[in-house]
Amino acid sequence: MDEPSCNIEPLMSRQIIAKDSFQATVRAPGFSIGIRCDNHEIHGIVYLEPCAEKSPENPLAQKAVKEIKAYLENPEFHFTLPLRVFGTPFQLQVWREIAAIPCHQTRSYGDLAKALNSAPRAVGQACGANPHPLIVPCHRVIAANGKLGGFARARGGFLIDTKRWLLVHEGHEGV
């Protein structure tokens, strides 16, 4: 049986996104990753329900596929992809804090809020708006009680399973 194309609902926008809107897609255990980019910057990374891989359309998409696959093999892999940075000043602060969380570690929404003199809910909203998940590892942000919390503005389904897989892949047990 053929795998479905990526004409499915992505995590972040809740719009139907056609496979053609990605310059590449990568399969991961239980989910796929859509890559949007031009020749110079990664515009966005989107977690998708499992779908067929799409070959890279340009050299940067090819580099992104290579780096994502390297991470899937080794969670300590360090991404070097050029990211198109856009967001509110607060979102940018939150994403910088998230990017500083080392592999094998997590921080709570409350910890980040305290560091930014903000509220956990505001941090959660910024996490959900992260255009570069995996590279800016918002999966490493969890609830204060150790529960996974939301992920990309989702409370269940494949997105929470994706967050759990990413954390286990990075060595977190019992999530």
C-alpha atoms as a PDB file:
ATOM      1  CA  MET A   1       0.000   0.000   0.000  1.00  0.00           C
ATOM      2  CA  ASP A   2       1.338   3.437  -0.894  1.00  0.00           C
ATOM      3  CA  GLU A   3       2.054   5.881   1.897  1.00  0.00           C
ATOM      4  CA  PRO A   4      -0.214   8.924   2.010  1.00  0.00           C
ATOM      5  CA  SER A   5       1.061  12.141   0.556  1.00  0.00           C
ATOM      6  CA  CYS A   6       1.593  15.007   2.966  1.00  0.00           C
ATOM      7  CA  ASN A   7      -1.798  16.565   2.239  1.00  0.00           C
ATOM      8  CA  ILE A   8      -2.542  16.487   5.944  1.00  0.00           C
ATOM      9  CA  GLU A   9      -2.986  18.802   8.872  1.00  0.00           C
ATOM     10  CA  PRO A  10       0.311  20.142  10.201  1.00  0.00           C
ATOM     11  CA  LEU A  11       0.972  20.917  13.835  1.00  0.00           C
ATOM     12  CA  MET A  12       1.073  24.636  13.873  1.00  0.00           C
ATOM     13  CA  SER A  13      -1.444  26.208  11.534  1.00  0.00           C
ATOM     14  CA  ARG A  14      -4.284  23.688  11.473  1.00  0.00           C
ATOM     15  CA  GLN A  15      -4.606  24.344   7.732  1.00  0.00           C
ATOM     16  CA  ILE A  16      -4.399  21.661   5.099  1.00  0.00           C
ATOM     17  CA  ILE A  17      -0.920  21.925   3.629  1.00  0.00           C
ATOM     18  CA  ALA A  18      -0.096  20.289   0.310  1.00  0.00           C
ATOM     19  CA  LYS A  19       3.028  18.192  -0.029  1.00  0.00           C
ATOM     20  CA  ASP A  20       4.133  20.611  -2.745  1.00  0.00           C
ATOM     21  CA  SER A  21       4.432  23.401  -0.172  1.00  0.00           C
ATOM     22  CA  PHE A  22       7.530  21.679   1.255  1.00  0.00           C
ATOM     23  CA  GLN A  23      10.917  21.628  -0.385  1.00  0.00           C
ATOM     24  CA  ALA A  24      11.480  18.208   1.231  1.00  0.00           C
ATOM     25  CA  THR A  25       9.912  15.817   3.716  1.00  0.00           C
ATOM     26  CA  VAL A  26      11.696  13.314   5.956  1.00  0.00           C
ATOM     27  CA  ARG A  27      10.253  10.207   7.607  1.00  0.00           C
ATOM     28  CA  ALA A  28      10.860   9.693  11.310  1.00  0.00           C
ATOM     29  CA  PRO A  29       9.520   6.991  13.653  1.00  0.00           C
ATOM     30  CA  GLY A  30       5.773   7.677  13.827  1.00  0.00           C
ATOM     31  CA  PHE A  31       5.807  11.073  12.130  1.00  0.00           C
ATOM     32  CA  SER A  32       7.240  13.030   9.222  1.00  0.00           C
ATOM     33  CA  ILE A  33       9.009  16.375   9.034  1.00  0.00           C
ATOM     34  CA  GLY A  34       8.223  18.953   6.362  1.00  0.00           C
ATOM     35  CA  ILE A  35      10.920  21.454   5.392  1.00  0.00           C
ATOM     36  CA  ARG A  36      10.174  24.865   3.916  1.00  0.00           C
ATOM     37  CA  CYS A  37      13.137  26.824   2.595  1.00  0.00           C
ATOM     38  CA  ASP A  38      14.586  28.835  -0.227  1.00  0.00           C
ATOM     39  CA  ASN A  39      18.185  28.575  -1.369  1.00  0.00           C
ATOM     40  CA  HIS A  40      19.447  30.614   1.599  1.00  0.00           C
ATOM     41  CA  GLU A  41      17.333  30.029   4.751  1.00  0.00           C
ATOM     42  CA  ILE A  42      15.025  27.544   6.409  1.00  0.00           C
ATOM     43  CA  HIS A  43      11.616  29.233   6.645  1.00  0.00           C
ATOM     44  CA  GLY A  44       9.958  26.543   8.698  1.00  0.00           C
ATOM     45  CA  ILE A  45       9.940  22.975   9.949  1.00  0.00           C
ATOM     46  CA  VAL A  46       6.562  21.273  10.384  1.00  0.00           C
ATOM     47  CA  TYR A  47       5.775  17.978  12.094  1.00  0.00           C
ATOM     48  CA  LEU A  48       3.350  15.939  10.009  1.00  0.00           C
ATOM     49  CA  GLU A  49       1.547  12.674  10.370  1.00  0.00           C
ATOM     50  CA  PRO A  50       3.524   9.914   8.657  1.00  0.00           C
ATOM     51  CA  CYS A  51       3.727  10.399   4.912  1.00  0.00           C
ATOM     52  CA  ALA A  52       5.980   9.598   1.982  1.00  0.00           C
ATOM     53  CA  GLU A  53       9.354  11.289   1.793  1.00  0.00           C
ATOM     54  CA  LYS A  54       9.788  14.043  -0.758  1.00  0.00           C
ATOM     55  CA  SER A  55      13.218  14.467  -2.329  1.00  0.00           C
ATOM     56  CA  PRO A  56      14.916  17.810  -1.698  1.00  0.00           C
ATOM     57  CA  GLU A  57      14.207  20.510  -4.275  1.00  0.00           C
ATOM     58  CA  ASN A  58      17.315  22.620  -3.672  1.00  0.00           C
ATOM     59  CA  PRO A  59      20.750  22.375  -2.023  1.00  0.00           C
ATOM     60  CA  LEU A  60      19.586  23.844   1.304  1.00  0.00           C
ATOM     61  CA  ALA A  61      16.682  21.385   1.485  1.00  0.00           C
ATOM     62  CA  GLN A  62      19.206  18.624   0.778  1.00  0.00           C
ATOM     63  CA  LYS A  63      21.414  19.879   3.640  1.00  0.00           C
ATOM     64  CA  ALA A  64      18.361  20.062   5.942  1.00  0.00           C
ATOM     65  CA  VAL A  65      17.398  16.469   5.128  1.00  0.00           C
ATOM     66  CA  LYS A  66      20.970  15.344   5.809  1.00  0.00           C
ATOM     67  CA  GLU A  67      21.092  17.171   9.166  1.00  0.00           C
ATOM     68  CA  ILE A  68      17.630  15.995  10.277  1.00  0.00           C
ATOM     69  CA  LYS A  69      18.562  12.397   9.454  1.00  0.00           C
ATOM     70  CA  ALA A  70      21.822  12.866  11.384  1.00  0.00           C
ATOM     71  CA  TYR A  71      19.792  14.027  14.421  1.00  0.00           C
ATOM     72  CA  LEU A  72      17.463  11.046  14.048  1.00  0.00           C
ATOM     73  CA  GLU A  73      20.547   8.803  14.237  1.00  0.00           C
ATOM     74  CA  ASN A  74      22.309  10.784  16.987  1.00  0.00           C
ATOM     75  CA  PRO A  75      20.296  13.143  19.235  1.00  0.00           C
ATOM     76  CA  GLU A  76      23.475  15.037  20.127  1.00  0.00           C
ATOM     77  CA  PHE A  77      23.928  16.178  16.529  1.00  0.00           C
ATOM     78  CA  HIS A  78      24.334  19.967  16.295  1.00  0.00           C
ATOM     79  CA  PHE A  79      22.315  21.682  13.550  1.00  0.00           C
ATOM     80  CA  THR A  80      24.085  24.275  11.399  1.00  0.00           C
ATOM     81  CA  LEU A  81      21.164  25.289   9.189  1.00  0.00           C
ATOM     82  CA  PRO A  82      20.582  28.990   8.468  1.00  0.00           C
ATOM     83  CA  LEU A  83      17.175  29.946   9.875  1.00  0.00           C
ATOM     84  CA  ARG A  84      14.912  32.759   8.739  1.00  0.00           C
ATOM     85  CA  VAL A  85      14.255  34.432  12.069  1.00  0.00           C
ATOM     86  CA  PHE A  86      10.893  36.134  12.483  1.00  0.00           C
ATOM     87  CA  GLY A  87       8.588  36.664  15.431  1.00  0.00           C
ATOM     88  CA  THR A  88       7.763  39.129  18.142  1.00  0.00           C
ATOM     89  CA  PRO A  89      10.567  40.311  20.432  1.00  0.00           C
ATOM     90  CA  PHE A  90       9.131  38.114  23.211  1.00  0.00           C
ATOM     91  CA  GLN A  91       8.953  35.049  20.955  1.00  0.00           C
ATOM     92  CA  LEU A  92      12.556  35.597  19.920  1.00  0.00           C
ATOM     93  CA  GLN A  93      13.601  35.730  23.602  1.00  0.00           C
ATOM     94  CA  VAL A  94      11.738  32.491  24.346  1.00  0.00           C
ATOM     95  CA  TRP A  95      13.244  30.753  21.324  1.00  0.00           C
ATOM     96  CA  ARG A  96      16.756  31.830  22.360  1.00  0.00           C
ATOM     97  CA  GLU A  97      16.140  30.325  25.817  1.00  0.00           C
ATOM     98  CA  ILE A  98      14.833  27.113  24.255  1.00  0.00           C
ATOM     99  CA  ALA A  99      17.795  26.885  21.886  1.00  0.00           C
ATOM    100  CA  ALA A 100      20.085  27.005  24.930  1.00  0.00           C
ATOM    101  CA  ILE A 101      18.537  23.877  26.533  1.00  0.00           C
ATOM    102  CA  PRO A 102      21.120  21.107  26.068  1.00  0.00           C
ATOM    103  CA  CYS A 103      20.240  17.720  24.665  1.00  0.00           C
ATOM    104  CA  HIS A 104      19.264  15.275  27.446  1.00  0.00           C
ATOM    105  CA  GLN A 105      17.820  18.132  29.541  1.00  0.00           C
ATOM    106  CA  THR A 106      14.415  19.742  29.896  1.00  0.00           C
ATOM    107  CA  ARG A 107      13.100  22.944  31.414  1.00  0.00           C
ATOM    108  CA  SER A 108       9.603  23.774  32.519  1.00  0.00           C
ATOM    109  CA  TYR A 109       7.417  26.491  31.086  1.00  0.00           C
ATOM    110  CA  GLY A 110       7.625  28.079  34.554  1.00  0.00           C
ATOM    111  CA  ASP A 111      11.440  27.987  34.583  1.00  0.00           C
ATOM    112  CA  LEU A 112      11.546  29.781  31.247  1.00  0.00           C
ATOM    113  CA  ALA A 113       8.886  32.255  32.378  1.00  0.00           C
ATOM    114  CA  LYS A 114      10.876  33.073  35.508  1.00  0.00           C
ATOM    115  CA  ALA A 115      14.067  33.598  33.470  1.00  0.00           C
ATOM    116  CA  LEU A 116      12.155  35.932  31.128  1.00  0.00           C
ATOM    117  CA  ASN A 117      10.093  37.673  33.840  1.00  0.00           C
ATOM    118  CA  SER A 118       6.932  36.433  32.164  1.00  0.00           C
ATOM    119  CA  ALA A 119       4.149  33.894  32.636  1.00  0.00           C
ATOM    120  CA  PRO A 120       4.214  30.171  31.783  1.00  0.00           C
ATOM    121  CA  ARG A 121       1.188  30.522  29.498  1.00  0.00           C
ATOM    122  CA  ALA A 122       2.964  33.214  27.451  1.00  0.00           C
ATOM    123  CA  VAL A 123       5.999  30.949  27.149  1.00  0.00           C
ATOM    124  CA  GLY A 124       3.715  28.121  26.011  1.00  0.00           C
ATOM    125  CA  GLN A 125       2.198  30.337  23.346  1.00  0.00           C
ATOM    126  CA  ALA A 126       5.664  31.281  22.073  1.00  0.00           C
ATOM    127  CA  CYS A 127       6.649  27.600  22.045  1.00  0.00           C
ATOM    128  CA  GLY A 128       3.576  26.828  19.946  1.00  0.00           C
ATOM    129  CA  ALA A 129       4.530  29.536  17.450  1.00  0.00           C
ATOM    130  CA  ASN A 130       8.092  28.242  17.028  1.00  0.00           C
ATOM    131  CA  PRO A 131       8.679  28.034  13.240  1.00  0.00           C
ATOM    132  CA  HIS A 132      11.744  25.786  13.604  1.00  0.00           C
ATOM    133  CA  PRO A 133      10.850  22.964  16.008  1.00  0.00           C
ATOM    134  CA  LEU A 134      13.499  20.268  16.293  1.00  0.00           C
ATOM    135  CA  ILE A 135      16.206  22.836  15.488  1.00  0.00           C
ATOM    136  CA  VAL A 136      14.905  25.160  18.239  1.00  0.00           C
ATOM    137  CA  PRO A 137      13.964  22.190  20.455  1.00  0.00           C
ATOM    138  CA  CYS A 138      10.653  23.189  22.031  1.00  0.00           C
ATOM    139  CA  HIS A 139      10.038  19.503  22.789  1.00  0.00           C
ATOM    140  CA  ARG A 140      12.486  20.018  25.690  1.00  0.00           C
ATOM    141  CA  VAL A 141       9.992  22.316  27.433  1.00  0.00           C
ATOM    142  CA  ILE A 142       7.629  20.426  29.738  1.00  0.00           C
ATOM    143  CA  ALA A 143       5.112  21.151  32.487  1.00  0.00           C
ATOM    144  CA  ALA A 144       6.397  21.835  36.020  1.00  0.00           C
ATOM    145  CA  ASN A 145       4.953  18.515  37.201  1.00  0.00           C
ATOM    146  CA  GLY A 146       7.083  16.659  34.634  1.00  0.00           C
ATOM    147  CA  LYS A 147       4.203  15.970  32.272  1.00  0.00           C
ATOM    148  CA  LEU A 148       4.653  16.693  28.618  1.00  0.00           C
ATOM    149  CA  GLY A 149       2.176  19.547  28.467  1.00  0.00           C
ATOM    150  CA  GLY A 150       1.146  20.703  25.036  1.00  0.00           C
ATOM    151  CA  PHE A 151       3.188  20.555  21.899  1.00  0.00           C
ATOM    152  CA  ALA A 152       2.785  22.863  18.939  1.00  0.00           C
ATOM    153  CA  ARG A 153      -0.529  23.960  20.426  1.00  0.00           C
ATOM    154  CA  ALA A 154      -1.792  20.370  20.592  1.00  0.00           C
ATOM    155  CA  ARG A 155      -2.889  18.511  23.708  1.00  0.00           C
ATOM    156  CA  GLY A 156      -3.028  15.026  22.234  1.00  0.00           C
ATOM    157  CA  GLY A 157      -2.709  12.883  19.158  1.00  0.00           C
ATOM    158  CA  PHE A 158       0.379  12.312  17.093  1.00  0.00           C
ATOM    159  CA  LEU A 159       1.986  15.576  18.192  1.00  0.00           C
ATOM    160  CA  ILE A 160       2.227  14.523  21.830  1.00  0.00           C
ATOM    161  CA  ASP A 161       3.470  11.127  20.650  1.00  0.00           C
ATOM    162  CA  THR A 162       6.080  13.004  18.570  1.00  0.00           C
ATOM    163  CA  LYS A 163       7.192  15.018  21.612  1.00  0.00           C
ATOM    164  CA  ARG A 164       7.431  11.825  23.674  1.00  0.00           C
ATOM    165  CA  TRP A 165       9.477  10.096  20.954  1.00  0.00           C
ATOM    166  CA  LEU A 166      11.880  13.061  20.701  1.00  0.00           C
ATOM    167  CA  LEU A 167      12.425  13.118  24.468  1.00  0.00           C
ATOM    168  CA  VAL A 168      12.948   9.352  24.689  1.00  0.00           C
ATOM    169  CA  HIS A 169      15.293   9.588  21.686  1.00  0.00           C
ATOM    170  CA  GLU A 170      17.297  12.115  23.711  1.00  0.00           C
ATOM    171  CA  GLY A 171      17.476   9.799  26.702  1.00  0.00           C
ATOM    172  CA  HIS A 172      14.529  10.900  28.859  1.00  0.00           C
ATOM    173  CA  GLU A 173      12.822   7.912  30.415  1.00  0.00           C
ATOM    174  CA  GLY A 174       9.326   7.796  31.812  1.00  0.00           C
ATOM    175  CA  VAL A 175       7.831  10.567  29.693  1.00  0.00           C
END
